[in-house]
Amino acid sequence: MILYHGTTVDIKEIDLQKSKPNKDFGKGFYLSAEKEQAIAMADYKAEQIDGVPVVNAFEFDEACLHDSSLKVKAFSEYDNEWADFIFANRNNPTSANVHDYDIVIGPIANDRVGIQIRRYMDREIDLPTFIERLKYMKGMTIQYYFGTERAICLLKRI
């Protein structure tokens, strides 16, 4: 399958050290199978820094997801487990990931997740409301997280 990463940089080599913490699935490299999603992300990032949008493409063999040497977590829907996972990663006070998965696949959270986390922590909203508000406004879009060097090696730039 082809996965896309929207940014403002032509990525020659993926460097996990450049990844930002407190993202949906933790510090790692994020991609989408939907080119339109990557284009939108590239446009958004370019607008933030007055840069030029760039979409990088990578080939990934999905058969690798069944390799027993990899730790893979897949969320198929917005549910309690997904919300707890997002909450733990977004609210992580340390620089270390809260999990040891190589690859995580699942729905993208709403861009305003920080506000919802605060409301949930302050008990202004309950868990079902938290989940509903985290849903991506444009429908369910799946994101692919690659969080270890072992996982990154499975991506071939095209």
N, C-alpha and C. Protein backbone atom coordinates (compact mmCIF):
# COMPACT_ATOMS: atom_id res chain seq x y z
N MET A 1 0.83 -1.17 0.00
CA MET A 1 0.00 0.00 0.00
C MET A 1 0.88 1.24 0.00
N ILE A 2 0.31 2.35 -0.46
CA ILE A 2 1.02 3.61 -0.47
C ILE A 2 0.49 4.45 0.69
N LEU A 3 1.41 4.99 1.49
CA LEU A 3 1.07 5.87 2.60
C LEU A 3 1.70 7.23 2.35
N TYR A 4 1.02 8.28 2.82
CA TYR A 4 1.46 9.65 2.55
C TYR A 4 1.67 10.41 3.86
N HIS A 5 2.65 11.32 3.80
CA HIS A 5 2.97 12.19 4.94
C HIS A 5 2.99 13.63 4.45
N GLY A 6 2.08 14.45 4.97
CA GLY A 6 2.02 15.85 4.56
C GLY A 6 2.84 16.73 5.48
N THR A 7 3.69 17.57 4.89
CA THR A 7 4.60 18.41 5.65
C THR A 7 5.08 19.57 4.78
N THR A 8 6.19 20.18 5.16
CA THR A 8 6.80 21.24 4.34
C THR A 8 8.22 20.86 3.96
N VAL A 9 8.57 19.59 4.14
CA VAL A 9 9.94 19.12 3.92
C VAL A 9 9.93 17.89 3.02
N ASP A 10 10.85 17.85 2.08
CA ASP A 10 11.05 16.64 1.28
C ASP A 10 11.88 15.70 2.14
N ILE A 11 11.28 14.66 2.64
CA ILE A 11 11.94 13.77 3.60
C ILE A 11 12.78 12.73 2.86
N LYS A 12 14.07 12.82 3.05
CA LYS A 12 14.99 11.84 2.47
C LYS A 12 15.15 10.64 3.39
N GLU A 13 15.16 10.95 4.70
CA GLU A 13 15.33 9.90 5.70
C GLU A 13 14.46 10.27 6.91
N ILE A 14 13.70 9.32 7.42
CA ILE A 14 12.83 9.57 8.56
C ILE A 14 13.66 9.57 9.84
N ASP A 15 13.53 10.65 10.61
CA ASP A 15 14.26 10.80 11.87
C ASP A 15 13.24 10.92 13.00
N LEU A 16 13.08 9.87 13.78
CA LEU A 16 12.10 9.88 14.86
C LEU A 16 12.42 10.92 15.93
N GLN A 17 13.67 11.35 16.02
CA GLN A 17 14.03 12.38 17.00
C GLN A 17 13.36 13.71 16.69
N LYS A 18 12.96 13.91 15.43
CA LYS A 18 12.30 15.16 15.04
C LYS A 18 10.79 15.11 15.31
N SER A 19 10.30 13.95 15.71
CA SER A 19 8.87 13.80 15.99
C SER A 19 8.50 14.53 17.26
N LYS A 20 7.29 15.06 17.28
CA LYS A 20 6.81 15.79 18.44
C LYS A 20 6.06 14.85 19.38
N PRO A 21 6.20 15.07 20.69
CA PRO A 21 5.47 14.24 21.66
C PRO A 21 4.00 14.67 21.74
N ASN A 22 3.24 13.91 22.50
CA ASN A 22 1.85 14.23 22.82
C ASN A 22 0.92 14.27 21.62
N LYS A 23 1.19 13.41 20.65
CA LYS A 23 0.28 13.24 19.52
C LYS A 23 -0.67 12.08 19.84
N ASP A 24 -1.63 11.83 18.96
CA ASP A 24 -2.66 10.82 19.22
C ASP A 24 -2.10 9.48 19.70
N PHE A 25 -1.10 8.97 19.02
CA PHE A 25 -0.54 7.67 19.36
C PHE A 25 0.87 7.78 19.93
N GLY A 26 1.29 8.97 20.28
CA GLY A 26 2.60 9.19 20.87
C GLY A 26 3.58 9.80 19.88
N LYS A 27 4.81 9.90 20.32
CA LYS A 27 5.88 10.45 19.50
C LYS A 27 6.26 9.43 18.43
N GLY A 28 6.10 9.82 17.17
CA GLY A 28 6.38 8.90 16.08
C GLY A 28 6.13 9.56 14.74
N PHE A 29 6.17 8.78 13.70
CA PHE A 29 5.99 9.25 12.32
C PHE A 29 4.59 8.84 11.87
N TYR A 30 3.79 9.81 11.42
CA TYR A 30 2.40 9.59 11.08
C TYR A 30 2.17 9.68 9.58
N LEU A 31 1.34 8.78 9.07
CA LEU A 31 1.01 8.75 7.64
C LEU A 31 -0.47 8.46 7.46
N SER A 32 -0.93 8.68 6.23
CA SER A 32 -2.32 8.39 5.87
C SER A 32 -2.33 7.65 4.55
N ALA A 33 -3.29 6.75 4.39
CA ALA A 33 -3.47 6.08 3.10
C ALA A 33 -4.25 6.98 2.15
N GLU A 34 -4.82 8.06 2.68
CA GLU A 34 -5.59 9.00 1.87
C GLU A 34 -4.73 10.19 1.49
N LYS A 35 -4.41 10.28 0.22
CA LYS A 35 -3.55 11.36 -0.26
C LYS A 35 -4.16 12.73 0.05
N GLU A 36 -5.48 12.85 -0.05
CA GLU A 36 -6.16 14.12 0.23
C GLU A 36 -5.91 14.58 1.66
N GLN A 37 -5.89 13.64 2.60
CA GLN A 37 -5.61 13.96 4.00
C GLN A 37 -4.20 14.50 4.14
N ALA A 38 -3.23 13.87 3.48
CA ALA A 38 -1.85 14.33 3.54
C ALA A 38 -1.69 15.70 2.89
N ILE A 39 -2.39 15.93 1.81
CA ILE A 39 -2.35 17.25 1.15
C ILE A 39 -2.90 18.32 2.10
N ALA A 40 -4.02 18.02 2.75
CA ALA A 40 -4.61 18.97 3.69
C ALA A 40 -3.65 19.26 4.84
N MET A 41 -2.96 18.24 5.33
CA MET A 41 -2.01 18.44 6.43
C MET A 41 -0.81 19.26 5.95
N ALA A 42 -0.33 18.99 4.76
CA ALA A 42 0.79 19.76 4.20
C ALA A 42 0.39 21.22 4.04
N ASP A 43 -0.81 21.46 3.53
CA ASP A 43 -1.30 22.84 3.37
C ASP A 43 -1.39 23.54 4.73
N TYR A 44 -1.91 22.84 5.72
CA TYR A 44 -2.06 23.39 7.06
C TYR A 44 -0.69 23.77 7.65
N LYS A 45 0.27 22.84 7.55
CA LYS A 45 1.61 23.11 8.09
C LYS A 45 2.30 24.23 7.34
N ALA A 46 2.13 24.29 6.03
CA ALA A 46 2.75 25.35 5.23
C ALA A 46 2.18 26.71 5.61
N GLU A 47 0.89 26.75 5.87
CA GLU A 47 0.25 28.00 6.28
C GLU A 47 0.77 28.47 7.63
N GLN A 48 1.04 27.53 8.53
CA GLN A 48 1.53 27.87 9.87
C GLN A 48 2.88 28.56 9.82
N ILE A 49 3.75 28.11 8.91
CA ILE A 49 5.12 28.66 8.89
C ILE A 49 5.42 29.44 7.61
N ASP A 50 4.39 29.73 6.83
CA ASP A 50 4.57 30.42 5.56
C ASP A 50 5.56 29.65 4.68
N GLY A 51 5.32 28.33 4.58
CA GLY A 51 6.19 27.46 3.80
C GLY A 51 5.48 26.90 2.58
N VAL A 52 6.10 25.91 1.99
CA VAL A 52 5.57 25.25 0.80
C VAL A 52 5.12 23.84 1.18
N PRO A 53 3.88 23.47 0.85
CA PRO A 53 3.42 22.11 1.18
C PRO A 53 4.14 21.04 0.37
N VAL A 54 4.45 19.94 1.04
CA VAL A 54 5.12 18.80 0.41
C VAL A 54 4.43 17.52 0.89
N VAL A 55 4.11 16.65 -0.05
CA VAL A 55 3.55 15.35 0.30
C VAL A 55 4.57 14.28 -0.06
N ASN A 56 5.02 13.55 0.96
CA ASN A 56 5.98 12.46 0.77
C ASN A 56 5.20 11.15 0.69
N ALA A 57 5.61 10.26 -0.20
CA ALA A 57 4.94 8.97 -0.37
C ALA A 57 5.88 7.83 -0.01
N PHE A 58 5.31 6.83 0.63
CA PHE A 58 6.08 5.66 1.06
C PHE A 58 5.30 4.41 0.73
N GLU A 59 6.02 3.37 0.35
CA GLU A 59 5.40 2.07 0.13
C GLU A 59 5.54 1.26 1.41
N PHE A 60 4.46 0.58 1.77
CA PHE A 60 4.44 -0.25 2.96
C PHE A 60 3.74 -1.56 2.64
N ASP A 61 4.39 -2.67 2.94
CA ASP A 61 3.83 -3.99 2.72
C ASP A 61 2.98 -4.37 3.92
N GLU A 62 1.67 -4.39 3.73
CA GLU A 62 0.74 -4.68 4.82
C GLU A 62 0.94 -6.06 5.44
N ALA A 63 1.57 -6.96 4.72
CA ALA A 63 1.84 -8.30 5.28
C ALA A 63 2.72 -8.20 6.52
N CYS A 64 3.49 -7.13 6.62
CA CYS A 64 4.35 -6.91 7.78
C CYS A 64 3.56 -6.77 9.08
N LEU A 65 2.30 -6.38 8.96
CA LEU A 65 1.47 -6.21 10.15
C LEU A 65 1.23 -7.53 10.88
N HIS A 66 1.46 -8.64 10.18
CA HIS A 66 1.26 -9.96 10.77
C HIS A 66 2.58 -10.59 11.21
N ASP A 67 3.66 -9.84 11.12
CA ASP A 67 4.98 -10.31 11.54
C ASP A 67 5.00 -10.37 13.07
N SER A 68 5.27 -11.53 13.63
CA SER A 68 5.22 -11.69 15.08
C SER A 68 6.33 -10.93 15.81
N SER A 69 7.34 -10.46 15.08
CA SER A 69 8.40 -9.70 15.74
C SER A 69 8.02 -8.23 15.94
N LEU A 70 6.91 -7.81 15.35
CA LEU A 70 6.44 -6.43 15.49
C LEU A 70 5.28 -6.37 16.47
N LYS A 71 5.24 -5.30 17.26
CA LYS A 71 4.08 -5.06 18.12
C LYS A 71 3.19 -4.07 17.39
N VAL A 72 2.00 -4.54 17.04
CA VAL A 72 1.05 -3.73 16.27
C VAL A 72 -0.26 -3.61 17.04
N LYS A 73 -0.78 -2.40 17.09
CA LYS A 73 -2.09 -2.15 17.71
C LYS A 73 -2.97 -1.50 16.65
N ALA A 74 -4.16 -2.05 16.47
CA ALA A 74 -5.10 -1.49 15.49
C ALA A 74 -6.43 -1.19 16.16
N PHE A 75 -6.90 0.03 15.96
CA PHE A 75 -8.22 0.45 16.42
C PHE A 75 -9.09 0.55 15.19
N SER A 76 -10.24 -0.09 15.19
CA SER A 76 -11.11 -0.07 14.01
C SER A 76 -12.24 0.95 14.13
N GLU A 77 -12.39 1.53 15.33
CA GLU A 77 -13.48 2.48 15.52
C GLU A 77 -13.17 3.42 16.68
N TYR A 78 -14.01 4.44 16.79
CA TYR A 78 -13.95 5.33 17.94
C TYR A 78 -14.65 4.60 19.09
N ASP A 79 -13.87 4.18 20.08
CA ASP A 79 -14.47 3.49 21.22
C ASP A 79 -13.71 3.87 22.49
N ASN A 80 -14.09 3.28 23.62
CA ASN A 80 -13.47 3.61 24.90
C ASN A 80 -11.98 3.33 24.91
N GLU A 81 -11.59 2.18 24.36
CA GLU A 81 -10.17 1.83 24.35
C GLU A 81 -9.37 2.85 23.54
N TRP A 82 -9.89 3.24 22.38
CA TRP A 82 -9.24 4.24 21.53
C TRP A 82 -9.13 5.57 22.29
N ALA A 83 -10.22 6.00 22.92
CA ALA A 83 -10.23 7.27 23.64
C ALA A 83 -9.23 7.26 24.79
N ASP A 84 -9.18 6.16 25.54
CA ASP A 84 -8.21 6.05 26.64
C ASP A 84 -6.78 6.13 26.12
N PHE A 85 -6.54 5.50 24.98
CA PHE A 85 -5.21 5.50 24.37
C PHE A 85 -4.82 6.92 23.93
N ILE A 86 -5.75 7.61 23.25
CA ILE A 86 -5.51 9.00 22.82
C ILE A 86 -5.25 9.87 24.04
N PHE A 87 -6.09 9.72 25.05
CA PHE A 87 -5.95 10.52 26.28
C PHE A 87 -4.58 10.30 26.91
N ALA A 88 -4.15 9.05 27.05
CA ALA A 88 -2.86 8.75 27.67
C ALA A 88 -1.70 9.36 26.88
N ASN A 89 -1.76 9.28 25.56
CA ASN A 89 -0.67 9.82 24.74
C ASN A 89 -0.67 11.34 24.71
N ARG A 90 -1.83 11.94 24.57
CA ARG A 90 -1.94 13.40 24.49
C ARG A 90 -1.63 14.06 25.84
N ASN A 91 -1.85 13.33 26.92
CA ASN A 91 -1.70 13.89 28.26
C ASN A 91 -0.44 13.36 28.96
N ASN A 92 0.47 12.80 28.21
CA ASN A 92 1.70 12.22 28.75
C ASN A 92 2.67 13.31 29.20
N PRO A 93 3.02 13.36 30.47
CA PRO A 93 3.91 14.41 30.96
C PRO A 93 5.41 14.14 30.72
N THR A 94 5.73 12.96 30.19
CA THR A 94 7.15 12.62 29.99
C THR A 94 7.49 12.62 28.50
N SER A 95 8.77 12.48 28.20
CA SER A 95 9.21 12.42 26.80
C SER A 95 9.16 10.98 26.26
N ALA A 96 8.95 10.02 27.15
CA ALA A 96 8.87 8.62 26.74
C ALA A 96 7.43 8.27 26.35
N ASN A 97 7.27 7.41 25.35
CA ASN A 97 5.93 6.98 24.96
C ASN A 97 5.29 6.17 26.09
N VAL A 98 3.97 6.17 26.14
CA VAL A 98 3.25 5.43 27.17
C VAL A 98 3.00 3.98 26.74
N HIS A 99 3.44 3.61 25.55
CA HIS A 99 3.26 2.25 25.06
C HIS A 99 4.53 1.82 24.32
N ASP A 100 4.60 0.54 23.97
CA ASP A 100 5.78 0.04 23.26
C ASP A 100 5.42 -0.57 21.90
N TYR A 101 4.35 -0.08 21.28
CA TYR A 101 3.97 -0.57 19.96
C TYR A 101 4.91 -0.01 18.90
N ASP A 102 5.22 -0.85 17.93
CA ASP A 102 6.01 -0.40 16.77
C ASP A 102 5.11 0.38 15.81
N ILE A 103 3.90 -0.13 15.61
CA ILE A 103 2.95 0.46 14.68
C ILE A 103 1.58 0.52 15.35
N VAL A 104 0.91 1.66 15.19
CA VAL A 104 -0.46 1.80 15.67
C VAL A 104 -1.28 2.34 14.50
N ILE A 105 -2.44 1.73 14.29
CA ILE A 105 -3.33 2.12 13.21
C ILE A 105 -4.69 2.42 13.83
N GLY A 106 -5.26 3.55 13.45
CA GLY A 106 -6.57 3.86 13.98
C GLY A 106 -7.06 5.22 13.57
N PRO A 107 -8.29 5.55 13.98
CA PRO A 107 -8.89 6.82 13.59
C PRO A 107 -8.11 8.02 14.10
N ILE A 108 -8.11 9.06 13.29
CA ILE A 108 -7.49 10.32 13.68
C ILE A 108 -8.47 11.05 14.60
N ALA A 109 -7.93 11.76 15.58
CA ALA A 109 -8.77 12.54 16.50
C ALA A 109 -8.97 13.95 15.95
N ASN A 110 -10.01 14.57 16.43
CA ASN A 110 -10.32 15.96 16.09
C ASN A 110 -9.14 16.85 16.43
N ASP A 111 -8.90 17.88 15.63
CA ASP A 111 -7.78 18.80 15.86
C ASP A 111 -7.89 19.55 17.18
N ARG A 112 -9.07 19.64 17.75
CA ARG A 112 -9.26 20.37 19.00
C ARG A 112 -9.23 19.43 20.20
N VAL A 113 -8.43 18.40 20.11
CA VAL A 113 -8.40 17.37 21.15
C VAL A 113 -7.95 17.93 22.50
N GLY A 114 -7.07 18.91 22.51
CA GLY A 114 -6.57 19.48 23.77
C GLY A 114 -7.68 20.05 24.63
N ILE A 115 -8.59 20.74 24.01
CA ILE A 115 -9.73 21.32 24.74
C ILE A 115 -10.58 20.22 25.34
N GLN A 116 -10.82 19.16 24.59
CA GLN A 116 -11.65 18.06 25.07
C GLN A 116 -10.97 17.31 26.20
N ILE A 117 -9.65 17.15 26.12
CA ILE A 117 -8.92 16.48 27.21
C ILE A 117 -9.08 17.29 28.50
N ARG A 118 -8.93 18.60 28.42
CA ARG A 118 -9.08 19.43 29.61
C ARG A 118 -10.49 19.29 30.20
N ARG A 119 -11.50 19.32 29.33
CA ARG A 119 -12.88 19.19 29.80
C ARG A 119 -13.12 17.83 30.45
N TYR A 120 -12.53 16.80 29.86
CA TYR A 120 -12.68 15.45 30.43
C TYR A 120 -11.96 15.35 31.77
N MET A 121 -10.75 15.88 31.86
CA MET A 121 -9.99 15.85 33.12
C MET A 121 -10.69 16.64 34.22
N ASP A 122 -11.31 17.75 33.83
CA ASP A 122 -12.03 18.58 34.80
C ASP A 122 -13.42 18.05 35.10
N ARG A 123 -13.74 16.91 34.49
CA ARG A 123 -15.04 16.23 34.68
C ARG A 123 -16.22 17.08 34.21
N GLU A 124 -15.94 17.94 33.23
CA GLU A 124 -17.03 18.72 32.63
C GLU A 124 -17.82 17.87 31.64
N ILE A 125 -17.15 16.84 31.09
CA ILE A 125 -17.81 15.91 30.17
C ILE A 125 -17.48 14.49 30.58
N ASP A 126 -18.37 13.56 30.25
CA ASP A 126 -18.14 12.15 30.56
C ASP A 126 -17.43 11.46 29.39
N LEU A 127 -17.07 10.19 29.56
CA LEU A 127 -16.32 9.46 28.54
C LEU A 127 -17.07 9.36 27.21
N PRO A 128 -18.36 9.02 27.18
CA PRO A 128 -19.05 8.98 25.87
C PRO A 128 -19.03 10.33 25.15
N THR A 129 -19.19 11.42 25.89
CA THR A 129 -19.13 12.75 25.27
C THR A 129 -17.73 13.04 24.77
N PHE A 130 -16.72 12.67 25.56
CA PHE A 130 -15.32 12.83 25.17
C PHE A 130 -15.05 12.13 23.84
N ILE A 131 -15.49 10.88 23.73
CA ILE A 131 -15.28 10.11 22.49
C ILE A 131 -15.98 10.79 21.32
N GLU A 132 -17.21 11.19 21.52
CA GLU A 132 -17.97 11.83 20.45
C GLU A 132 -17.29 13.11 19.97
N ARG A 133 -16.75 13.88 20.89
CA ARG A 133 -16.10 15.14 20.53
C ARG A 133 -14.72 14.95 19.91
N LEU A 134 -14.12 13.79 20.13
CA LEU A 134 -12.81 13.51 19.53
C LEU A 134 -12.91 13.04 18.09
N LYS A 135 -14.08 12.63 17.69
CA LYS A 135 -14.24 12.13 16.32
C LYS A 135 -13.86 13.21 15.33
N TYR A 136 -13.15 12.79 14.32
CA TYR A 136 -12.70 13.70 13.27
C TYR A 136 -13.90 14.24 12.52
N MET A 137 -13.99 15.54 12.37
CA MET A 137 -15.18 16.18 11.81
C MET A 137 -15.48 15.79 10.37
N LYS A 138 -14.49 15.34 9.63
CA LYS A 138 -14.69 15.01 8.22
C LYS A 138 -14.99 13.52 8.03
N GLY A 139 -15.37 12.85 9.09
CA GLY A 139 -15.60 11.41 9.00
C GLY A 139 -14.37 10.67 9.48
N MET A 140 -14.48 9.36 9.58
CA MET A 140 -13.35 8.59 10.11
C MET A 140 -12.24 8.49 9.07
N THR A 141 -11.08 8.98 9.44
CA THR A 141 -9.88 8.87 8.63
C THR A 141 -8.86 8.09 9.45
N ILE A 142 -8.28 7.09 8.85
CA ILE A 142 -7.32 6.24 9.55
C ILE A 142 -5.92 6.81 9.42
N GLN A 143 -5.20 6.81 10.54
CA GLN A 143 -3.81 7.24 10.54
C GLN A 143 -2.92 6.05 10.89
N TYR A 144 -1.71 6.11 10.40
CA TYR A 144 -0.71 5.07 10.61
C TYR A 144 0.45 5.68 11.35
N TYR A 145 0.76 5.12 12.51
CA TYR A 145 1.84 5.59 13.37
C TYR A 145 2.98 4.57 13.30
N PHE A 146 4.16 5.06 13.04
CA PHE A 146 5.37 4.23 13.05
C PHE A 146 6.26 4.82 14.14
N GLY A 147 6.46 4.09 15.23
CA GLY A 147 7.11 4.67 16.40
C GLY A 147 8.47 4.14 16.75
N THR A 148 8.97 3.17 16.01
CA THR A 148 10.29 2.60 16.31
C THR A 148 11.12 2.53 15.02
N GLU A 149 12.41 2.44 15.18
CA GLU A 149 13.29 2.30 14.02
C GLU A 149 12.96 1.03 13.24
N ARG A 150 12.59 -0.02 13.98
CA ARG A 150 12.22 -1.29 13.33
C ARG A 150 11.02 -1.07 12.40
N ALA A 151 10.07 -0.26 12.84
CA ALA A 151 8.90 0.03 12.00
C ALA A 151 9.26 0.95 10.84
N ILE A 152 10.06 1.96 11.12
CA ILE A 152 10.46 2.93 10.08
C ILE A 152 11.17 2.22 8.93
N CYS A 153 11.94 1.20 9.22
CA CYS A 153 12.68 0.46 8.18
C CYS A 153 11.73 -0.23 7.20
N LEU A 154 10.47 -0.37 7.56
CA LEU A 154 9.51 -1.03 6.68
C LEU A 154 8.91 -0.08 5.64
N LEU A 155 9.20 1.21 5.78
CA LEU A 155 8.71 2.22 4.83
C LEU A 155 9.75 2.46 3.75
N LYS A 156 9.34 2.35 2.50
CA LYS A 156 10.24 2.59 1.38
C LYS A 156 9.79 3.85 0.65
N ARG A 157 10.63 4.85 0.63
CA ARG A 157 10.30 6.12 -0.02
C ARG A 157 10.11 5.90 -1.52
N ILE A 158 9.04 6.49 -2.07
CA ILE A 158 8.82 6.39 -3.52
C ILE A 158 8.63 7.77 -4.12
